[in-house]
Amino acid sequence: MRGISLDPTDPLINEWVVVVIGSHFAAGFAARDLGDTGPDMDRRFAYSMTYNRDAAVRMAKSLLSRMYAP
């Protein structure tokens, strides 16, 4: 697991993204905060889940490019 701080102008600033890639499994999960306030259990998110390996790899590459940007 790895977390990083994003630039406030990054399009992913309000998203939660998790990618798992293994030799026989791949998955990607992305959720966008809908801007609710209050207790965490009352907040809402729009989300998407995929088990498509190509999509998960593209998600991982996008995240890695942010971690190791020049």
PDB file of N, CA and C in Angstrom:
ATOM      1  N   MET A   1       0.853  -1.159   0.000  1.00  0.00           N
ATOM      2  CA  MET A   1       0.000   0.000   0.000  1.00  0.00           C
ATOM      3  C   MET A   1       0.899   1.221   0.000  1.00  0.00           C
ATOM      4  N   ARG A   2       0.450   2.226  -0.752  1.00  0.00           N
ATOM      5  CA  ARG A   2       1.233   3.450  -0.860  1.00  0.00           C
ATOM      6  C   ARG A   2       0.276   4.627  -1.005  1.00  0.00           C
ATOM      7  N   GLY A   3       0.527   5.680  -0.306  1.00  0.00           N
ATOM      8  CA  GLY A   3      -0.264   6.898  -0.428  1.00  0.00           C
ATOM      9  C   GLY A   3       0.653   8.074  -0.700  1.00  0.00           C
ATOM     10  N   ILE A   4       0.156   9.059  -1.421  1.00  0.00           N
ATOM     11  CA  ILE A   4       0.936  10.257  -1.717  1.00  0.00           C
ATOM     12  C   ILE A   4       0.052  11.484  -1.581  1.00  0.00           C
ATOM     13  N   SER A   5       0.674  12.641  -1.440  1.00  0.00           N
ATOM     14  CA  SER A   5      -0.057  13.908  -1.458  1.00  0.00           C
ATOM     15  C   SER A   5      -0.147  14.383  -2.903  1.00  0.00           C
ATOM     16  N   LEU A   6      -1.322  14.793  -3.307  1.00  0.00           N
ATOM     17  CA  LEU A   6      -1.533  15.276  -4.669  1.00  0.00           C
ATOM     18  C   LEU A   6      -1.561  16.791  -4.699  1.00  0.00           C
ATOM     19  N   ASP A   7      -1.187  17.335  -5.847  1.00  0.00           N
ATOM     20  CA  ASP A   7      -1.314  18.767  -6.085  1.00  0.00           C
ATOM     21  C   ASP A   7      -2.805  19.130  -5.988  1.00  0.00           C
ATOM     22  N   PRO A   8      -3.157  20.239  -5.371  1.00  0.00           N
ATOM     23  CA  PRO A   8      -4.573  20.605  -5.234  1.00  0.00           C
ATOM     24  C   PRO A   8      -5.320  20.738  -6.564  1.00  0.00           C
ATOM     25  N   THR A   9      -4.611  20.898  -7.673  1.00  0.00           N
ATOM     26  CA  THR A   9      -5.260  21.023  -8.978  1.00  0.00           C
ATOM     27  C   THR A   9      -5.373  19.686  -9.713  1.00  0.00           C
ATOM     28  N   ASP A  10      -4.843  18.605  -9.123  1.00  0.00           N
ATOM     29  CA  ASP A  10      -4.892  17.288  -9.766  1.00  0.00           C
ATOM     30  C   ASP A  10      -6.340  16.816  -9.863  1.00  0.00           C
ATOM     31  N   PRO A  11      -6.753  16.284 -11.018  1.00  0.00           N
ATOM     32  CA  PRO A  11      -8.132  15.801 -11.171  1.00  0.00           C
ATOM     33  C   PRO A  11      -8.510  14.681 -10.192  1.00  0.00           C
ATOM     34  N   LEU A  12      -7.531  13.983  -9.641  1.00  0.00           N
ATOM     35  CA  LEU A  12      -7.823  12.889  -8.709  1.00  0.00           C
ATOM     36  C   LEU A  12      -7.939  13.339  -7.256  1.00  0.00           C
ATOM     37  N   ILE A  13      -7.845  14.631  -7.007  1.00  0.00           N
ATOM     38  CA  ILE A  13      -7.802  15.129  -5.628  1.00  0.00           C
ATOM     39  C   ILE A  13      -9.034  14.710  -4.806  1.00  0.00           C
ATOM     40  N   ASN A  14     -10.170  14.535  -5.444  1.00  0.00           N
ATOM     41  CA  ASN A  14     -11.389  14.152  -4.719  1.00  0.00           C
ATOM     42  C   ASN A  14     -11.784  12.702  -4.956  1.00  0.00           C
ATOM     43  N   GLU A  15     -10.810  11.878  -5.336  1.00  0.00           N
ATOM     44  CA  GLU A  15     -11.100  10.471  -5.609  1.00  0.00           C
ATOM     45  C   GLU A  15     -10.301   9.550  -4.696  1.00  0.00           C
ATOM     46  N   TRP A  16     -10.843   8.367  -4.504  1.00  0.00           N
ATOM     47  CA  TRP A  16     -10.154   7.286  -3.814  1.00  0.00           C
ATOM     48  C   TRP A  16      -9.940   6.217  -4.873  1.00  0.00           C
ATOM     49  N   VAL A  17      -8.726   5.761  -5.044  1.00  0.00           N
ATOM     50  CA  VAL A  17      -8.423   4.766  -6.077  1.00  0.00           C
ATOM     51  C   VAL A  17      -7.605   3.634  -5.458  1.00  0.00           C
ATOM     52  N   VAL A  18      -8.037   2.406  -5.739  1.00  0.00           N
ATOM     53  CA  VAL A  18      -7.316   1.225  -5.284  1.00  0.00           C
ATOM     54  C   VAL A  18      -7.146   0.308  -6.493  1.00  0.00           C
ATOM     55  N   VAL A  19      -5.911  -0.149  -6.724  1.00  0.00           N
ATOM     56  CA  VAL A  19      -5.629  -1.062  -7.829  1.00  0.00           C
ATOM     57  C   VAL A  19      -4.863  -2.251  -7.267  1.00  0.00           C
ATOM     58  N   VAL A  20      -5.280  -3.447  -7.664  1.00  0.00           N
ATOM     59  CA  VAL A  20      -4.598  -4.679  -7.271  1.00  0.00           C
ATOM     60  C   VAL A  20      -4.268  -5.435  -8.551  1.00  0.00           C
ATOM     61  N   ILE A  21      -2.990  -5.742  -8.736  1.00  0.00           N
ATOM     62  CA  ILE A  21      -2.579  -6.490  -9.925  1.00  0.00           C
ATOM     63  C   ILE A  21      -1.672  -7.637  -9.478  1.00  0.00           C
ATOM     64  N   GLY A  22      -2.055  -8.825  -9.837  1.00  0.00           N
ATOM     65  CA  GLY A  22      -1.250 -10.007  -9.544  1.00  0.00           C
ATOM     66  C   GLY A  22      -1.125 -10.846 -10.801  1.00  0.00           C
ATOM     67  N   SER A  23      -0.473 -11.974 -10.692  1.00  0.00           N
ATOM     68  CA  SER A  23      -0.262 -12.812 -11.872  1.00  0.00           C
ATOM     69  C   SER A  23      -1.566 -13.415 -12.410  1.00  0.00           C
ATOM     70  N   HIS A  24      -2.538 -13.644 -11.531  1.00  0.00           N
ATOM     71  CA  HIS A  24      -3.794 -14.260 -11.964  1.00  0.00           C
ATOM     72  C   HIS A  24      -5.024 -13.437 -11.580  1.00  0.00           C
ATOM     73  N   PHE A  25      -4.816 -12.195 -11.169  1.00  0.00           N
ATOM     74  CA  PHE A  25      -5.942 -11.363 -10.722  1.00  0.00           C
ATOM     75  C   PHE A  25      -5.612  -9.907 -10.961  1.00  0.00           C
ATOM     76  N   ALA A  26      -6.609  -9.137 -11.364  1.00  0.00           N
ATOM     77  CA  ALA A  26      -6.448  -7.690 -11.494  1.00  0.00           C
ATOM     78  C   ALA A  26      -7.790  -7.035 -11.199  1.00  0.00           C
ATOM     79  N   ALA A  27      -7.745  -5.929 -10.477  1.00  0.00           N
ATOM     80  CA  ALA A  27      -8.968  -5.193 -10.160  1.00  0.00           C
ATOM     81  C   ALA A  27      -8.632  -3.728  -9.939  1.00  0.00           C
ATOM     82  N   GLY A  28      -9.601  -2.891 -10.234  1.00  0.00           N
ATOM     83  CA  GLY A  28      -9.457  -1.464  -9.974  1.00  0.00           C
ATOM     84  C   GLY A  28     -10.750  -0.921  -9.393  1.00  0.00           C
ATOM     85  N   PHE A  29     -10.624  -0.057  -8.425  1.00  0.00           N
ATOM     86  CA  PHE A  29     -11.773   0.559  -7.772  1.00  0.00           C
ATOM     87  C   PHE A  29     -11.499   2.057  -7.685  1.00  0.00           C
ATOM     88  N   ALA A  30     -12.450   2.861  -8.134  1.00  0.00           N
ATOM     89  CA  ALA A  30     -12.321   4.313  -8.038  1.00  0.00           C
ATOM     90  C   ALA A  30     -13.631   4.888  -7.517  1.00  0.00           C
ATOM     91  N   ALA A  31     -13.523   5.810  -6.573  1.00  0.00           N
ATOM     92  CA  ALA A  31     -14.701   6.456  -6.003  1.00  0.00           C
ATOM     93  C   ALA A  31     -14.466   7.959  -5.950  1.00  0.00           C
ATOM     94  N   ARG A  32     -15.471   8.728  -6.355  1.00  0.00           N
ATOM     95  CA  ARG A  32     -15.395  10.176  -6.322  1.00  0.00           C
ATOM     96  C   ARG A  32     -16.288  10.697  -5.201  1.00  0.00           C
ATOM     97  N   ASP A  33     -15.717  11.531  -4.366  1.00  0.00           N
ATOM     98  CA  ASP A  33     -16.441  12.163  -3.264  1.00  0.00           C
ATOM     99  C   ASP A  33     -17.493  13.095  -3.850  1.00  0.00           C
ATOM    100  N   LEU A  34     -18.738  12.956  -3.440  1.00  0.00           N
ATOM    101  CA  LEU A  34     -19.819  13.807  -3.932  1.00  0.00           C
ATOM    102  C   LEU A  34     -19.969  15.094  -3.131  1.00  0.00           C
ATOM    103  N   GLY A  35     -19.055  15.322  -2.190  1.00  0.00           N
ATOM    104  CA  GLY A  35     -19.019  16.603  -1.486  1.00  0.00           C
ATOM    105  C   GLY A  35     -19.892  16.711  -0.258  1.00  0.00           C
ATOM    106  N   ASP A  36     -20.407  15.604   0.232  1.00  0.00           N
ATOM    107  CA  ASP A  36     -21.213  15.650   1.454  1.00  0.00           C
ATOM    108  C   ASP A  36     -20.337  16.023   2.651  1.00  0.00           C
ATOM    109  N   THR A  37     -20.947  16.611   3.630  1.00  0.00           N
ATOM    110  CA  THR A  37     -20.244  16.899   4.876  1.00  0.00           C
ATOM    111  C   THR A  37     -20.891  16.085   5.983  1.00  0.00           C
ATOM    112  N   GLY A  38     -20.263  16.075   7.133  1.00  0.00           N
ATOM    113  CA  GLY A  38     -20.815  15.338   8.263  1.00  0.00           C
ATOM    114  C   GLY A  38     -20.047  14.059   8.513  1.00  0.00           C
ATOM    115  N   PRO A  39     -20.639  13.155   9.296  1.00  0.00           N
ATOM    116  CA  PRO A  39     -19.966  11.909   9.659  1.00  0.00           C
ATOM    117  C   PRO A  39     -19.624  11.071   8.418  1.00  0.00           C
ATOM    118  N   ASP A  40     -18.508  10.366   8.477  1.00  0.00           N
ATOM    119  CA  ASP A  40     -18.065   9.556   7.344  1.00  0.00           C
ATOM    120  C   ASP A  40     -19.142   8.586   6.856  1.00  0.00           C
ATOM    121  N   MET A  41     -19.873   7.982   7.751  1.00  0.00           N
ATOM    122  CA  MET A  41     -20.873   6.986   7.360  1.00  0.00           C
ATOM    123  C   MET A  41     -22.064   7.604   6.620  1.00  0.00           C
ATOM    124  N   ASP A  42     -22.194   8.939   6.651  1.00  0.00           N
ATOM    125  CA  ASP A  42     -23.295   9.617   5.959  1.00  0.00           C
ATOM    126  C   ASP A  42     -22.869  10.201   4.614  1.00  0.00           C
ATOM    127  N   ARG A  43     -21.570  10.125   4.293  1.00  0.00           N
ATOM    128  CA  ARG A  43     -21.083  10.693   3.036  1.00  0.00           C
ATOM    129  C   ARG A  43     -21.411   9.767   1.864  1.00  0.00           C
ATOM    130  N   ARG A  44     -21.535  10.378   0.673  1.00  0.00           N
ATOM    131  CA  ARG A  44     -21.860   9.603  -0.522  1.00  0.00           C
ATOM    132  C   ARG A  44     -20.720   9.702  -1.541  1.00  0.00           C
ATOM    133  N   PHE A  45     -20.588   8.642  -2.339  1.00  0.00           N
ATOM    134  CA  PHE A  45     -19.568   8.570  -3.377  1.00  0.00           C
ATOM    135  C   PHE A  45     -20.176   7.958  -4.632  1.00  0.00           C
ATOM    136  N   ALA A  46     -19.709   8.387  -5.795  1.00  0.00           N
ATOM    137  CA  ALA A  46     -19.989   7.690  -7.052  1.00  0.00           C
ATOM    138  C   ALA A  46     -18.779   6.780  -7.261  1.00  0.00           C
ATOM    139  N   TYR A  47     -19.000   5.526  -7.651  1.00  0.00           N
ATOM    140  CA  TYR A  47     -17.858   4.616  -7.745  1.00  0.00           C
ATOM    141  C   TYR A  47     -17.963   3.703  -8.956  1.00  0.00           C
ATOM    142  N   SER A  48     -16.827   3.126  -9.292  1.00  0.00           N
ATOM    143  CA  SER A  48     -16.739   2.173 -10.387  1.00  0.00           C
ATOM    144  C   SER A  48     -15.745   1.088  -9.996  1.00  0.00           C
ATOM    145  N   MET A  49     -16.038  -0.137 -10.408  1.00  0.00           N
ATOM    146  CA  MET A  49     -15.184  -1.283 -10.100  1.00  0.00           C
ATOM    147  C   MET A  49     -14.972  -2.061 -11.384  1.00  0.00           C
ATOM    148  N   THR A  50     -13.742  -2.511 -11.614  1.00  0.00           N
ATOM    149  CA  THR A  50     -13.464  -3.328 -12.791  1.00  0.00           C
ATOM    150  C   THR A  50     -12.534  -4.481 -12.435  1.00  0.00           C
ATOM    151  N   TYR A  51     -12.738  -5.582 -13.139  1.00  0.00           N
ATOM    152  CA  TYR A  51     -11.832  -6.716 -13.056  1.00  0.00           C
ATOM    153  C   TYR A  51     -11.106  -6.898 -14.391  1.00  0.00           C
ATOM    154  N   ASN A  52     -11.244  -5.928 -15.276  1.00  0.00           N
ATOM    155  CA  ASN A  52     -10.585  -5.959 -16.571  1.00  0.00           C
ATOM    156  C   ASN A  52      -9.107  -5.629 -16.372  1.00  0.00           C
ATOM    157  N   ARG A  53      -8.227  -6.559 -16.734  1.00  0.00           N
ATOM    158  CA  ARG A  53      -6.793  -6.386 -16.494  1.00  0.00           C
ATOM    159  C   ARG A  53      -6.251  -5.144 -17.193  1.00  0.00           C
ATOM    160  N   ASP A  54      -6.615  -4.916 -18.451  1.00  0.00           N
ATOM    161  CA  ASP A  54      -6.106  -3.748 -19.178  1.00  0.00           C
ATOM    162  C   ASP A  54      -6.511  -2.447 -18.495  1.00  0.00           C
ATOM    163  N   ALA A  55      -7.751  -2.363 -18.040  1.00  0.00           N
ATOM    164  CA  ALA A  55      -8.214  -1.158 -17.344  1.00  0.00           C
ATOM    165  C   ALA A  55      -7.463  -0.973 -16.027  1.00  0.00           C
ATOM    166  N   ALA A  56      -7.268  -2.054 -15.289  1.00  0.00           N
ATOM    167  CA  ALA A  56      -6.552  -1.972 -14.010  1.00  0.00           C
ATOM    168  C   ALA A  56      -5.103  -1.542 -14.227  1.00  0.00           C
ATOM    169  N   VAL A  57      -4.467  -2.046 -15.271  1.00  0.00           N
ATOM    170  CA  VAL A  57      -3.085  -1.657 -15.559  1.00  0.00           C
ATOM    171  C   VAL A  57      -3.023  -0.175 -15.936  1.00  0.00           C
ATOM    172  N   ARG A  58      -3.972   0.310 -16.726  1.00  0.00           N
ATOM    173  CA  ARG A  58      -4.006   1.748 -17.064  1.00  0.00           C
ATOM    174  C   ARG A  58      -4.197   2.596 -15.817  1.00  0.00           C
ATOM    175  N   MET A  59      -5.044   2.128 -14.898  1.00  0.00           N
ATOM    176  CA  MET A  59      -5.232   2.854 -13.637  1.00  0.00           C
ATOM    177  C   MET A  59      -3.929   2.901 -12.849  1.00  0.00           C
ATOM    178  N   ALA A  60      -3.246   1.765 -12.763  1.00  0.00           N
ATOM    179  CA  ALA A  60      -1.992   1.697 -12.018  1.00  0.00           C
ATOM    180  C   ALA A  60      -0.940   2.619 -12.637  1.00  0.00           C
ATOM    181  N   LYS A  61      -0.841   2.629 -13.956  1.00  0.00           N
ATOM    182  CA  LYS A  61       0.125   3.500 -14.632  1.00  0.00           C
ATOM    183  C   LYS A  61      -0.177   4.967 -14.357  1.00  0.00           C
ATOM    184  N   SER A  62      -1.447   5.320 -14.345  1.00  0.00           N
ATOM    185  CA  SER A  62      -1.832   6.697 -14.051  1.00  0.00           C
ATOM    186  C   SER A  62      -1.417   7.094 -12.634  1.00  0.00           C
ATOM    187  N   LEU A  63      -1.631   6.187 -11.681  1.00  0.00           N
ATOM    188  CA  LEU A  63      -1.240   6.469 -10.299  1.00  0.00           C
ATOM    189  C   LEU A  63       0.272   6.546 -10.152  1.00  0.00           C
ATOM    190  N   LEU A  64       0.983   5.599 -10.776  1.00  0.00           N
ATOM    191  CA  LEU A  64       2.434   5.581 -10.679  1.00  0.00           C
ATOM    192  C   LEU A  64       3.055   6.831 -11.309  1.00  0.00           C
ATOM    193  N   SER A  65       2.454   7.339 -12.369  1.00  0.00           N
ATOM    194  CA  SER A  65       2.994   8.551 -13.003  1.00  0.00           C
ATOM    195  C   SER A  65       2.925   9.739 -12.043  1.00  0.00           C
ATOM    196  N   ARG A  66       1.975   9.738 -11.141  1.00  0.00           N
ATOM    197  CA  ARG A  66       1.866  10.813 -10.148  1.00  0.00           C
ATOM    198  C   ARG A  66       2.897  10.637  -9.035  1.00  0.00           C
ATOM    199  N   MET A  67       3.236   9.411  -8.721  1.00  0.00           N
ATOM    200  CA  MET A  67       4.190   9.138  -7.646  1.00  0.00           C
ATOM    201  C   MET A  67       5.616   9.467  -8.056  1.00  0.00           C
ATOM    202  N   TYR A  68       5.920   9.266  -9.323  1.00  0.00           N
ATOM    203  CA  TYR A  68       7.285   9.419  -9.793  1.00  0.00           C
ATOM    204  C   TYR A  68       7.415  10.500 -10.857  1.00  0.00           C
ATOM    205  N   ALA A  69       6.564  11.515 -10.791  1.00  0.00           N
ATOM    206  CA  ALA A  69       6.622  12.612 -11.754  1.00  0.00           C
ATOM    207  C   ALA A  69       7.911  13.403 -11.569  1.00  0.00           C
ATOM    208  N   PRO A  70       8.513  13.882 -12.687  1.00  0.00           N
ATOM    209  CA  PRO A  70       9.771  14.649 -12.580  1.00  0.00           C
ATOM    210  C   PRO A  70       9.589  15.975 -11.882  1.00  0.00           C
TER     211      PRO A  70
END
